[in-house]
Amino acid sequence: MNLIRNIPAAASAAALLPCLLFGTTGFLTWLGARGAWLLLPSALGAPFAVPGLRFAPLGEQPWSALAAELAGVAVLVAVVWWATARSVARRPDASAVRAFLAGWGAFALGAAAAGVPRALLPAWEMGLGPVGWYAMLAGGLVTGLLWGSTLGWICGFARLATRPRVAVAA
């Protein structure tokens, strides 16, 4: 039973890996130079990638942007924890494919939820009206879901690695 309680912790720790990677300036510079087309949604106002875990604002950003990023990381980890714990509680003896897809889906859902505070803070700072709020919210949800679907394999493998092995009765 101890292993089952540790599965959400392993998936949540794996969810922090992309956040740490996207929190480094070197990786963001490298990615921006080689995949400039990935920056297009953020040029339109949507948050870029998954929330970055950093301890100082990036460039000339205000401290409120750092607070929104850290809130996004907290939301991402909490949603991955919740979704993984829910999948383990519902199907503790899930097959390998189902366990992998549960971890992948948990990260995609968490990244979409993390896009909400990251998108609404700029909408509030710009003083947008209701249409702007909903447009920024939709942009944050969609880009978070896309990046979460792209990077969800990380939590999928973490969930797969911690899957309890069930003995097959012949």
Protein backbone atom coordinates (compact mmCIF):
# COMPACT_ATOMS: atom_id res chain seq x y z
CA MET A 1 0.00 0.00 0.00
CA ASN A 2 2.96 2.33 0.55
CA LEU A 3 3.77 2.25 -3.16
CA ILE A 4 0.24 3.30 -4.10
CA ARG A 5 0.51 6.34 -1.83
CA ASN A 6 3.83 7.30 -3.45
CA ILE A 7 2.53 7.24 -7.04
CA PRO A 8 1.05 10.79 -6.97
CA ALA A 9 4.27 12.08 -5.39
CA ALA A 10 6.37 10.56 -8.18
CA ALA A 11 4.12 11.96 -10.91
CA SER A 12 4.09 15.41 -9.27
CA ALA A 13 7.87 15.39 -8.97
CA ALA A 14 8.10 14.47 -12.65
CA ALA A 15 5.79 17.39 -13.45
CA LEU A 16 8.36 19.72 -11.92
CA LEU A 17 11.05 18.65 -14.42
CA PRO A 18 9.65 20.60 -17.42
CA CYS A 19 8.95 23.54 -15.11
CA LEU A 20 12.59 23.57 -14.04
CA LEU A 21 13.73 23.27 -17.65
CA PHE A 22 11.50 26.09 -18.90
CA GLY A 23 12.57 28.20 -15.94
CA THR A 24 16.17 28.44 -17.10
CA THR A 25 17.20 31.35 -19.26
CA GLY A 26 19.67 29.27 -21.25
CA PHE A 27 17.06 26.77 -22.39
CA LEU A 28 14.56 29.50 -23.27
CA THR A 29 17.20 31.29 -25.32
CA TRP A 30 18.18 28.09 -27.09
CA LEU A 31 14.57 27.17 -27.83
CA GLY A 32 13.72 30.67 -29.04
CA ALA A 33 16.65 30.64 -31.44
CA ARG A 34 15.87 27.21 -32.88
CA GLY A 35 12.08 27.16 -32.73
CA ALA A 36 10.97 30.74 -33.14
CA TRP A 37 7.61 29.59 -34.48
CA LEU A 38 6.85 28.24 -30.98
CA LEU A 39 6.79 31.83 -29.73
CA LEU A 40 3.91 32.87 -31.98
CA PRO A 41 1.06 32.17 -29.51
CA SER A 42 2.88 34.10 -26.79
CA ALA A 43 3.31 37.03 -29.16
CA LEU A 44 -0.48 37.10 -29.35
CA GLY A 45 -0.81 37.15 -25.56
CA ALA A 46 -1.06 33.47 -24.62
CA PRO A 47 1.36 32.14 -22.00
CA PHE A 48 4.45 30.38 -23.34
CA ALA A 49 4.95 26.67 -22.69
CA VAL A 50 4.56 25.28 -19.19
CA PRO A 51 5.10 27.58 -16.21
CA GLY A 52 8.75 28.11 -15.48
CA LEU A 53 10.08 27.48 -12.00
CA ARG A 54 12.52 30.30 -11.36
CA PHE A 55 13.40 32.47 -8.39
CA ALA A 56 13.83 35.83 -10.10
CA PRO A 57 11.80 37.50 -12.85
CA LEU A 58 12.89 36.77 -16.39
CA GLY A 59 14.51 39.82 -17.98
CA GLU A 60 12.52 43.00 -17.40
CA GLN A 61 9.33 41.27 -16.26
CA PRO A 62 7.63 42.59 -13.12
CA TRP A 63 7.49 40.56 -9.95
CA SER A 64 3.80 39.91 -10.55
CA ALA A 65 4.76 37.85 -13.62
CA LEU A 66 7.02 35.73 -11.44
CA ALA A 67 4.17 35.29 -8.95
CA ALA A 68 1.86 34.16 -11.78
CA GLU A 69 4.48 31.67 -12.98
CA LEU A 70 4.93 30.25 -9.49
CA ALA A 71 1.15 30.05 -9.07
CA GLY A 72 1.03 28.19 -12.37
CA VAL A 73 3.65 25.71 -11.14
CA ALA A 74 1.65 25.17 -7.93
CA VAL A 75 -1.56 24.61 -9.89
CA LEU A 76 0.20 22.21 -12.27
CA VAL A 77 1.66 20.11 -9.47
CA ALA A 78 -1.62 20.10 -7.50
CA VAL A 79 -3.69 19.02 -10.50
CA VAL A 80 -1.20 16.29 -11.44
CA TRP A 81 -1.27 15.06 -7.83
CA TRP A 82 -5.07 15.07 -7.74
CA ALA A 83 -5.57 13.41 -11.15
CA THR A 84 -2.94 10.76 -10.47
CA ALA A 85 -4.35 9.96 -7.02
CA ARG A 86 -7.80 9.72 -8.56
CA SER A 87 -6.64 7.34 -11.28
CA VAL A 88 -4.82 5.16 -8.74
CA ALA A 89 -7.87 5.07 -6.48
CA ARG A 90 -10.19 4.16 -9.34
CA ARG A 91 -7.96 1.55 -10.98
CA PRO A 92 -5.06 0.45 -8.75
CA ASP A 93 -4.35 -2.54 -10.99
CA ALA A 94 -4.42 -0.63 -14.29
CA SER A 95 -2.61 -1.98 -17.30
CA ALA A 96 0.64 -0.42 -18.45
CA VAL A 97 -1.00 1.50 -21.29
CA ARG A 98 -3.77 2.83 -19.06
CA ALA A 99 -1.29 3.89 -16.38
CA PHE A 100 0.89 5.67 -18.95
CA LEU A 101 -2.08 7.48 -20.48
CA ALA A 102 -3.38 8.44 -17.02
CA GLY A 103 -0.08 10.15 -16.23
CA TRP A 104 -0.01 11.83 -19.63
CA GLY A 105 -3.58 13.08 -19.24
CA ALA A 106 -2.90 14.32 -15.72
CA PHE A 107 -0.05 16.48 -16.99
CA ALA A 108 -2.08 17.80 -19.93
CA LEU A 109 -4.95 18.71 -17.59
CA GLY A 110 -2.53 20.31 -15.13
CA ALA A 111 -0.82 22.36 -17.83
CA ALA A 112 -4.20 23.61 -19.07
CA ALA A 113 -5.20 24.59 -15.53
CA ALA A 114 -1.81 26.26 -15.00
CA GLY A 115 -2.45 28.46 -18.02
CA VAL A 116 -5.36 30.14 -16.23
CA PRO A 117 -3.45 32.28 -13.67
CA ARG A 118 -0.69 32.89 -16.21
CA ALA A 119 -3.21 34.27 -18.72
CA LEU A 120 -5.47 36.19 -16.38
CA LEU A 121 -2.72 38.24 -14.74
CA PRO A 122 -1.73 40.02 -17.98
CA ALA A 123 -5.42 40.56 -18.77
CA TRP A 124 -5.87 42.22 -15.39
CA GLU A 125 -2.69 44.31 -15.78
CA MET A 126 -3.76 45.52 -19.23
CA GLY A 127 -7.20 46.47 -17.94
CA LEU A 128 -9.08 44.40 -20.49
CA GLY A 129 -12.83 44.09 -20.41
CA PRO A 130 -14.89 40.90 -20.20
CA VAL A 131 -14.21 39.91 -23.82
CA GLY A 132 -10.46 40.29 -23.26
CA TRP A 133 -10.63 38.26 -20.05
CA TYR A 134 -12.40 35.39 -21.79
CA ALA A 135 -10.09 35.56 -24.80
CA MET A 136 -6.99 35.44 -22.57
CA LEU A 137 -8.53 32.65 -20.51
CA ALA A 138 -9.26 30.62 -23.66
CA GLY A 139 -5.75 31.28 -24.95
CA GLY A 140 -4.22 30.13 -21.65
CA LEU A 141 -6.31 26.97 -21.58
CA VAL A 142 -5.62 26.05 -25.21
CA THR A 143 -1.88 26.70 -25.15
CA GLY A 144 -1.57 24.93 -21.79
CA LEU A 145 -3.41 21.93 -23.18
CA LEU A 146 -1.21 21.85 -26.29
CA TRP A 147 2.04 22.09 -24.34
CA GLY A 148 0.73 19.59 -21.79
CA SER A 149 -0.15 17.15 -24.54
CA THR A 150 3.31 17.59 -26.00
CA LEU A 151 5.22 17.11 -22.74
CA GLY A 152 2.83 14.76 -20.93
CA TRP A 153 4.94 11.71 -21.68
CA ILE A 154 7.21 12.73 -18.80
CA CYS A 155 4.49 12.13 -16.21
CA GLY A 156 3.28 9.16 -18.23
CA PHE A 157 6.60 7.40 -17.77
CA ALA A 158 6.72 8.36 -14.09
CA ARG A 159 3.26 6.89 -13.58
CA LEU A 160 4.26 3.79 -15.54
CA ALA A 161 7.43 3.31 -13.51
CA THR A 162 5.58 3.44 -10.20
CA ARG A 163 2.68 1.23 -11.29
CA PRO A 164 2.08 -1.58 -8.81
CA ARG A 165 2.82 -4.98 -10.29
CA VAL A 166 -0.06 -7.40 -9.88
CA ALA A 167 0.63 -11.12 -9.90
CA VAL A 168 -1.23 -12.95 -12.64
CA ALA A 169 -3.11 -16.01 -11.42
CA ALA A 170 -2.98 -18.91 -13.85
